[in-house]
Protein backbone atom coordinates (compact mmCIF):
# COMPACT_ATOMS: atom_id res chain seq x y z
CA MET A 1 230.05 176.76 273.51
CA ASP A 2 232.18 173.63 273.66
CA ASN A 3 232.35 171.66 276.88
CA LYS A 4 235.90 172.67 277.78
CA VAL A 5 235.08 176.37 277.54
CA LEU A 6 231.82 175.82 279.40
CA VAL A 7 233.54 174.15 282.36
CA GLN A 8 236.33 176.71 282.48
CA GLN A 9 233.89 179.63 282.45
CA GLY A 10 231.54 177.92 284.86
CA ILE A 11 234.10 177.16 287.55
CA GLY A 12 235.71 180.53 286.96
CA GLU A 13 232.45 182.23 287.90
CA LEU A 14 231.52 179.80 290.67
CA PHE A 15 234.88 180.27 292.39
CA GLY A 16 235.28 183.89 291.39
CA ALA A 17 233.45 187.11 292.09
CA ALA A 18 230.07 185.80 290.90
CA GLY A 19 230.00 183.07 293.54
CA PRO A 20 226.56 181.67 294.44
CA THR A 21 224.79 183.70 291.77
CA ALA A 22 226.61 181.63 289.12
CA VAL A 23 225.02 178.36 290.24
CA ASP A 24 221.76 178.84 288.34
CA ARG A 25 223.60 179.83 285.15
CA TRP A 26 226.06 176.93 285.07
CA VAL A 27 224.70 174.05 287.17
CA ALA A 28 221.88 171.67 286.20
CA PRO A 29 218.84 171.50 288.51
CA ASP A 30 219.45 167.76 289.02
CA TYR A 31 223.21 168.18 289.65
CA ARG A 32 224.66 164.89 290.90
CA GLN A 33 227.52 165.05 293.38
CA HIS A 34 230.18 162.40 294.14
CA SER A 35 232.61 164.51 296.19
CA SER A 36 233.26 163.48 299.78
CA LEU A 37 233.08 167.15 300.81
CA ILE A 38 229.58 168.19 299.83
CA ALA A 39 226.01 166.93 299.77
CA ASP A 40 224.10 166.18 296.58
CA GLY A 41 222.40 168.79 294.46
CA ARG A 42 222.62 172.36 293.32
CA GLU A 43 221.65 173.95 296.65
CA ALA A 44 224.48 172.23 298.51
CA LEU A 45 226.92 173.62 295.95
CA ARG A 46 225.40 177.07 296.35
CA GLU A 47 225.88 176.85 300.14
CA LEU A 48 229.50 175.72 299.74
CA VAL A 49 230.36 178.56 297.36
CA ALA A 50 228.66 181.08 299.64
CA SER A 51 230.72 179.86 302.62
CA LEU A 52 234.14 180.20 300.96
CA PRO A 53 236.49 182.59 302.76
CA ALA A 54 237.52 185.93 301.26
CA ASP A 55 241.04 184.66 300.56
CA PHE A 56 239.82 181.58 298.67
CA ARG A 57 241.15 181.08 295.17
CA TYR A 58 241.39 178.26 292.65
CA GLU A 59 244.25 177.97 290.18
CA PRO A 60 243.52 175.55 287.32
CA VAL A 61 246.59 174.25 285.49
CA ARG A 62 245.31 171.89 282.80
CA VAL A 63 241.94 170.93 281.33
CA ILE A 64 241.13 167.76 279.39
CA ALA A 65 237.90 167.41 277.41
CA ASP A 66 236.62 164.03 276.23
CA GLY A 67 233.04 163.99 274.95
CA ASP A 68 230.71 164.99 277.76
CA LEU A 69 233.48 164.67 280.39
CA VAL A 70 235.86 167.49 281.29
CA ALA A 71 238.69 167.04 283.82
CA VAL A 72 240.44 169.94 285.53
CA HIS A 73 243.76 169.66 287.39
CA GLY A 74 244.63 172.51 289.73
CA THR A 75 245.09 173.80 293.26
CA TYR A 76 242.59 175.13 295.79
CA TYR A 77 243.70 177.75 298.30
CA GLY A 78 241.42 178.43 301.27
CA LEU A 79 239.23 175.34 300.90
CA GLY A 80 240.91 173.98 304.03
CA PRO A 81 243.80 174.94 306.31
CA ASN A 82 246.34 173.89 303.65
CA PRO A 83 246.36 174.23 299.85
CA LEU A 84 244.92 171.18 298.09
CA VAL A 85 245.88 169.71 294.72
CA ALA A 86 242.76 168.42 293.00
CA PHE A 87 241.40 166.59 290.04
CA ASP A 88 237.81 167.65 289.32
CA LEU A 89 235.80 165.72 286.75
CA PHE A 90 232.56 167.14 285.37
CA ARG A 91 229.92 165.62 283.13
CA VAL A 92 228.23 168.20 280.95
CA ALA A 93 224.64 167.81 279.75
CA ASP A 94 222.46 170.33 277.88
CA GLY A 95 224.98 173.10 278.40
CA LYS A 96 225.17 172.72 282.19
CA LEU A 97 227.41 171.07 284.76
CA ALA A 98 225.41 167.91 285.49
CA GLU A 99 227.71 165.67 287.56
CA HIS A 100 230.94 166.00 289.52
CA TRP A 101 233.67 163.77 290.93
CA ASP A 102 236.89 164.86 292.63
CA GLY A 103 240.05 163.78 294.39
CA LEU A 104 242.10 166.10 296.62
CA THR A 105 245.42 165.86 298.43
CA PRO A 106 247.55 168.38 300.36
CA VAL A 107 250.26 170.33 298.53
CA VAL A 108 253.75 169.04 299.36
CA ASP A 109 256.48 171.66 299.09
CA ASN A 110 259.54 169.38 299.06
CA THR A 111 259.07 166.52 296.62
CA ALA A 112 261.39 163.62 295.79
CA SER A 113 261.71 164.69 292.15
CA GLY A 114 261.96 168.42 292.77
CA ARG A 115 258.88 168.85 290.58
CA SER A 116 255.65 170.24 291.96
CA GLN A 117 252.43 168.22 291.95
CA THR A 118 251.04 170.31 289.10
CA ASP A 119 253.89 171.75 287.00
CA GLY A 120 254.83 170.54 283.53
CA PRO A 121 253.07 170.77 280.15
CA SER A 122 249.57 172.17 280.59
CA THR A 123 247.94 172.03 277.15
CA PRO A 124 247.04 168.76 275.39
CA ALA A 125 249.17 168.12 272.31
CA ASP A 126 249.11 165.47 269.55
CA LEU A 127 245.32 165.66 269.34
CA ASP A 128 245.34 163.25 266.38
CA LYS A 129 246.76 160.55 268.69
CA THR A 130 244.02 160.71 271.32
CA GLU A 131 242.61 157.24 270.65
CA ALA A 132 246.01 155.56 270.34
CA ASN A 133 247.09 157.15 273.62
CA ARG A 134 243.81 156.17 275.30
CA LYS A 135 244.36 152.57 274.18
CA LEU A 136 247.96 152.52 275.45
CA VAL A 137 247.11 153.95 278.89
CA THR A 138 244.00 151.78 279.27
CA GLU A 139 246.07 148.66 278.56
CA PHE A 140 248.70 149.86 281.04
CA ALA A 141 246.04 150.48 283.68
CA GLU A 142 244.53 147.04 283.22
CA ARG A 143 247.72 145.00 282.85
CA VAL A 144 250.16 146.81 285.14
CA LEU A 145 248.09 148.77 287.65
CA ARG A 146 245.15 146.41 288.10
CA GLY A 147 246.84 143.21 286.95
CA ALA A 148 250.12 143.96 288.78
CA ASP A 149 252.14 142.53 285.88
CA TYR A 150 255.28 144.63 286.25
CA SER A 151 257.17 142.46 283.76
CA VAL A 152 255.57 144.51 280.96
CA LEU A 153 256.18 147.90 282.59
CA THR A 154 258.65 149.05 279.94
CA ASP A 155 256.18 148.17 277.18
CA TYR A 156 254.25 151.22 278.35
CA ILE A 157 256.59 153.55 280.28
CA SER A 158 259.64 155.10 278.64
CA THR A 159 262.98 153.93 279.97
CA GLN A 160 264.52 157.23 278.83
CA THR A 161 262.15 159.86 280.23
CA TYR A 162 259.65 159.50 283.05
CA HIS A 163 258.92 162.79 284.81
CA GLN A 164 257.30 162.15 288.16
CA HIS A 165 255.01 164.48 290.10
CA ASN A 166 253.98 162.12 292.90
CA PRO A 167 255.68 163.89 295.85
CA GLU A 168 257.29 160.72 297.22
CA ALA A 169 258.72 159.33 293.97
CA ALA A 170 261.80 160.54 292.11
CA ASP A 171 261.98 160.71 288.33
CA GLY A 172 262.44 157.60 286.23
CA LEU A 173 261.47 153.97 286.65
CA ASP A 174 264.12 153.58 289.35
CA GLY A 175 262.52 156.43 291.29
CA PHE A 176 259.12 154.79 291.06
CA GLY A 177 260.58 151.41 292.09
CA ALA A 178 262.29 152.90 295.13
CA ALA A 179 259.09 154.67 296.19
CA ALA A 180 257.01 151.51 295.74
CA ALA A 181 259.47 149.54 297.88
CA ALA A 182 259.34 152.19 300.61
CA TRP A 183 255.53 152.19 300.52
CA ALA A 184 255.46 148.40 300.79
CA GLN A 185 257.63 148.58 303.92
CA GLN A 186 255.00 150.93 305.38
CA GLY A 187 252.24 148.43 304.54
CA LYS A 188 251.01 150.56 301.65
CA ASN A 189 251.05 148.38 298.55
CA LEU A 190 249.65 149.87 295.35
CA VAL A 191 246.51 147.81 294.77
CA TYR A 192 244.13 148.77 291.97
CA ARG A 193 240.77 146.96 292.03
CA THR A 194 238.61 148.80 289.49
CA ILE A 195 239.35 151.18 286.63
CA HIS A 196 236.29 153.44 286.61
CA ARG A 197 236.97 156.03 283.90
CA VAL A 198 239.58 156.95 281.31
CA VAL A 199 239.48 160.53 280.03
CA ALA A 200 241.76 161.38 277.11
CA GLU A 201 242.64 164.38 275.00
CA GLY A 202 245.74 164.25 272.84
CA ASP A 203 248.81 163.27 274.83
CA LEU A 204 247.07 163.57 278.23
CA VAL A 205 245.14 160.61 279.64
CA LEU A 206 243.47 160.62 283.07
CA VAL A 207 242.55 157.35 284.82
CA GLN A 208 240.14 157.30 287.76
CA SER A 209 240.46 154.07 289.75
CA GLU A 210 239.54 152.45 293.05
CA GLY A 211 241.77 150.29 295.23
CA GLU A 212 243.86 150.17 298.37
CA PHE A 213 246.97 151.97 299.53
CA GLY A 214 247.13 150.83 303.12
CA GLU A 215 243.43 151.79 303.22
CA PRO A 216 240.65 152.12 300.64
CA VAL A 217 241.56 154.91 298.21
CA ALA A 218 240.55 156.63 295.00
CA TYR A 219 243.43 156.86 292.54
CA TRP A 220 243.57 159.72 290.06
CA ASP A 221 246.49 159.16 287.65
CA LEU A 222 247.25 161.56 284.81
CA PHE A 223 249.72 160.38 282.19
CA ARG A 224 251.41 162.19 279.33
CA VAL A 225 252.30 160.08 276.32
CA ALA A 226 254.99 160.78 273.73
CA ASP A 227 256.05 158.53 270.85
CA GLY A 228 253.94 155.66 272.10
CA LYS A 229 255.26 155.61 275.68
CA ILE A 230 254.23 157.18 278.97
CA VAL A 231 256.74 159.93 279.80
CA GLU A 232 255.12 161.86 282.66
CA HIS A 233 252.81 161.21 285.61
CA TRP A 234 250.76 163.32 288.01
CA ASP A 235 248.46 161.87 290.64
CA VAL A 236 246.17 162.25 293.62
CA ILE A 237 245.66 159.36 296.03
CA ALA A 238 242.63 160.18 298.17
CA PRO A 239 241.36 158.04 301.07
CA ILE A 240 237.78 156.85 300.69
CA PRO A 241 235.84 157.97 303.78
CA ALA A 242 233.61 155.52 305.63
CA THR A 243 230.61 157.77 305.07
CA LEU A 244 229.66 160.30 302.40
CA PRO A 245 227.31 163.31 302.60
CA HIS A 246 225.17 161.74 299.84
CA THR A 247 224.17 158.31 298.52
CA ASN A 248 225.80 158.57 295.08
CA GLY A 249 229.11 156.89 295.95
CA LEU A 250 232.54 158.30 295.25
CA PHE A 251 232.63 156.89 291.71
C-alpha cells in the first residue's frame, strides 16, 4: 500500500465508524504528536477519537504525497464549535502513521475573493514537474517570504492568474498587496522566520513555516504551479500557543 492510500484509509477509519478501534491498525506505538490540541502518543489519539461527537465529520479535499510525508487539506466539522479548515501532515514509517503536525483555522463564509478556503483543483497534476515546482516554490519561500524581497515577486507569481483562497485577500497580485497593506495597518506584518518543510507532488507544493503575524504563528501555504509560475494559493495561519500538551514542539 502506498503512503497516500495508507493515510487516506487510516484517517478515514479513525474519523469514521471504526473510531478508536482503528488506532492499533493504523498508528505506530511510538506515535509522535506536534498538534497543539492533543498530547503525545497513541493513547491520547485514541482518547480524542473516542470523545468526538456523533455529528463529527471530516471532509478531505486534497492529498499530497512526498516520500514518507503525506499532507491532507480539508475541513473538520464538530471538532470545535465552528468548522475548521486544516492542513494535516503525517510521516509514515513501516506502514503506520508515525508522526503528525497540523494547522487549523475557522471557516470563513464570506471571503474577499469569493473563493472558499478549500475549493479549486484537488488532484496533483504535472507529476513529471514535481522537482522543478519544488525548486521554484522553495526559492520563492526563501527569497520572498523569508527574505522579504518583494522586488522579485513576479519572478515566481503569475501576473496573469493568481487565484487566492486566503479569506482576506482578493485574487491577483493587487489583491494580495491590498490585503498585506491592510494587515500592516493592523500591526500584522507577514514575517517568516524559518521554512521548516516543503512537501511537493506535481503542481502542488506545501510550505510549513514559522514566523509572526502580529503574534507568533505557524504558516501553512499551499501553492499550485503552472507553466513555471505560482497561479493559486491556499493557506492556514495558526497562532502558536504559549504552551503545548507535549514536549515535541509545533514543528
